[in-house]
Amino acid sequence: MKIVGETLIELKVQDLVSLVMQNEAIEFMDALPYLYDSELYSALTDEETKLWHLSTEKLYDMLKNEKQNNKLEYPDFV
């Protein structure tokens, strides 16, 4: 399952970078640190958090909220 989880995380990260680019109207090279420097990215890449189960849109909402409030908040259902 570890390989499957890692693959799912990689796909989520790719989709999330695309969504950041689209919604924040920024280029790829700016979207990478926008995501990679976040608590969400650290949590997402930790397979034990199971955040990869969430939709890309939900993950983006969490990221946007983190950027606005300087704090990562998990949904009640995680």
C-alpha atoms as a PDB file:
ATOM      1  CA  MET A   1       0.000   0.000   0.000  1.00  0.00           C
ATOM      2  CA  LYS A   2       2.931   2.345   0.576  1.00  0.00           C
ATOM      3  CA  ILE A   3       3.672   2.602  -3.165  1.00  0.00           C
ATOM      4  CA  VAL A   4      -0.009   3.172  -3.959  1.00  0.00           C
ATOM      5  CA  GLY A   5      -0.206   5.871  -1.281  1.00  0.00           C
ATOM      6  CA  GLU A   6       2.939   7.561  -2.586  1.00  0.00           C
ATOM      7  CA  THR A   7       1.554   7.544  -6.114  1.00  0.00           C
ATOM      8  CA  LEU A   8      -1.741   9.018  -4.963  1.00  0.00           C
ATOM      9  CA  ILE A   9       0.120  11.738  -3.065  1.00  0.00           C
ATOM     10  CA  GLU A  10       2.186  12.591  -6.157  1.00  0.00           C
ATOM     11  CA  LEU A  11      -0.976  12.855  -8.258  1.00  0.00           C
ATOM     12  CA  LYS A  12      -2.673  15.034  -5.631  1.00  0.00           C
ATOM     13  CA  VAL A  13       0.362  17.332  -5.513  1.00  0.00           C
ATOM     14  CA  GLN A  14       0.339  17.691  -9.315  1.00  0.00           C
ATOM     15  CA  ASP A  15      -3.374  18.480  -9.320  1.00  0.00           C
ATOM     16  CA  LEU A  16      -2.983  20.858  -6.405  1.00  0.00           C
ATOM     17  CA  VAL A  17      -0.174  22.803  -8.113  1.00  0.00           C
ATOM     18  CA  SER A  18      -2.389  23.146 -11.192  1.00  0.00           C
ATOM     19  CA  LEU A  19      -5.286  24.379  -9.071  1.00  0.00           C
ATOM     20  CA  VAL A  20      -3.039  26.879  -7.277  1.00  0.00           C
ATOM     21  CA  MET A  21      -1.804  28.195 -10.623  1.00  0.00           C
ATOM     22  CA  GLN A  22      -5.339  28.582 -11.897  1.00  0.00           C
ATOM     23  CA  ASN A  23      -6.950  30.077  -8.790  1.00  0.00           C
ATOM     24  CA  GLU A  24      -4.069  32.289  -7.687  1.00  0.00           C
ATOM     25  CA  ALA A  25      -3.211  33.316 -11.267  1.00  0.00           C
ATOM     26  CA  ILE A  26       0.467  32.524 -10.741  1.00  0.00           C
ATOM     27  CA  GLU A  27       3.076  30.738 -12.815  1.00  0.00           C
ATOM     28  CA  PHE A  28       4.322  27.212 -12.183  1.00  0.00           C
ATOM     29  CA  MET A  29       7.588  28.365 -10.578  1.00  0.00           C
ATOM     30  CA  ASP A  30       5.624  30.523  -8.116  1.00  0.00           C
ATOM     31  CA  ALA A  31       3.023  27.843  -7.420  1.00  0.00           C
ATOM     32  CA  LEU A  32       5.649  25.350  -6.278  1.00  0.00           C
ATOM     33  CA  PRO A  33       6.895  27.312  -3.241  1.00  0.00           C
ATOM     34  CA  TYR A  34       3.330  28.460  -2.546  1.00  0.00           C
ATOM     35  CA  LEU A  35       2.484  24.805  -1.935  1.00  0.00           C
ATOM     36  CA  TYR A  36       5.831  23.361  -0.823  1.00  0.00           C
ATOM     37  CA  ASP A  37       6.344  25.956   1.922  1.00  0.00           C
ATOM     38  CA  SER A  38       3.001  25.130   3.531  1.00  0.00           C
ATOM     39  CA  GLU A  39       2.049  22.986   6.498  1.00  0.00           C
ATOM     40  CA  LEU A  40      -0.517  21.356   4.222  1.00  0.00           C
ATOM     41  CA  TYR A  41       2.212  20.013   1.935  1.00  0.00           C
ATOM     42  CA  SER A  42       4.080  18.550   4.902  1.00  0.00           C
ATOM     43  CA  ALA A  43       0.896  16.923   6.175  1.00  0.00           C
ATOM     44  CA  LEU A  44      -0.121  15.719   2.706  1.00  0.00           C
ATOM     45  CA  THR A  45       3.226  14.032   2.110  1.00  0.00           C
ATOM     46  CA  ASP A  46       2.976  12.272   5.475  1.00  0.00           C
ATOM     47  CA  GLU A  47       1.081   9.179   4.377  1.00  0.00           C
ATOM     48  CA  GLU A  48      -0.207   8.567   7.903  1.00  0.00           C
ATOM     49  CA  THR A  49      -2.388  11.701   7.825  1.00  0.00           C
ATOM     50  CA  LYS A  50      -4.425  10.162   4.993  1.00  0.00           C
ATOM     51  CA  LEU A  51      -5.042  13.648   3.553  1.00  0.00           C
ATOM     52  CA  TRP A  52      -4.629  12.159   0.085  1.00  0.00           C
ATOM     53  CA  HIS A  53      -8.163  10.815   0.533  1.00  0.00           C
ATOM     54  CA  LEU A  54      -9.523  14.360   0.269  1.00  0.00           C
ATOM     55  CA  SER A  55     -10.450  15.967  -3.022  1.00  0.00           C
ATOM     56  CA  THR A  56      -8.012  18.355  -4.646  1.00  0.00           C
ATOM     57  CA  GLU A  57     -10.584  21.117  -4.193  1.00  0.00           C
ATOM     58  CA  LYS A  58     -10.820  20.434  -0.453  1.00  0.00           C
ATOM     59  CA  LEU A  59      -7.033  20.401  -0.177  1.00  0.00           C
ATOM     60  CA  TYR A  60      -6.878  23.724  -2.012  1.00  0.00           C
ATOM     61  CA  ASP A  61      -9.475  25.177   0.377  1.00  0.00           C
ATOM     62  CA  MET A  62      -7.329  24.018   3.300  1.00  0.00           C
ATOM     63  CA  LEU A  63      -4.231  25.559   1.699  1.00  0.00           C
ATOM     64  CA  LYS A  64      -5.956  28.861   1.024  1.00  0.00           C
ATOM     65  CA  ASN A  65      -7.259  28.947   4.598  1.00  0.00           C
ATOM     66  CA  GLU A  66      -3.764  28.200   5.914  1.00  0.00           C
ATOM     67  CA  LYS A  67      -2.311  31.069   3.868  1.00  0.00           C
ATOM     68  CA  GLN A  68      -4.969  33.459   5.178  1.00  0.00           C
ATOM     69  CA  ASN A  69      -4.787  32.398   8.839  1.00  0.00           C
ATOM     70  CA  ASN A  70      -1.162  31.174   9.122  1.00  0.00           C
ATOM     71  CA  LYS A  71      -2.494  27.919  10.516  1.00  0.00           C
ATOM     72  CA  LEU A  72      -3.461  24.590   9.005  1.00  0.00           C
ATOM     73  CA  GLU A  73      -6.930  23.492  10.046  1.00  0.00           C
ATOM     74  CA  TYR A  74      -8.110  19.968   9.435  1.00  0.00           C
ATOM     75  CA  PRO A  75     -11.706  19.234   8.472  1.00  0.00           C
ATOM     76  CA  ASP A  76     -13.792  17.616  11.207  1.00  0.00           C
ATOM     77  CA  PHE A  77     -14.064  14.406   9.241  1.00  0.00           C
ATOM     78  CA  VAL A  78     -10.313  13.724   8.906  1.00  0.00           C
END
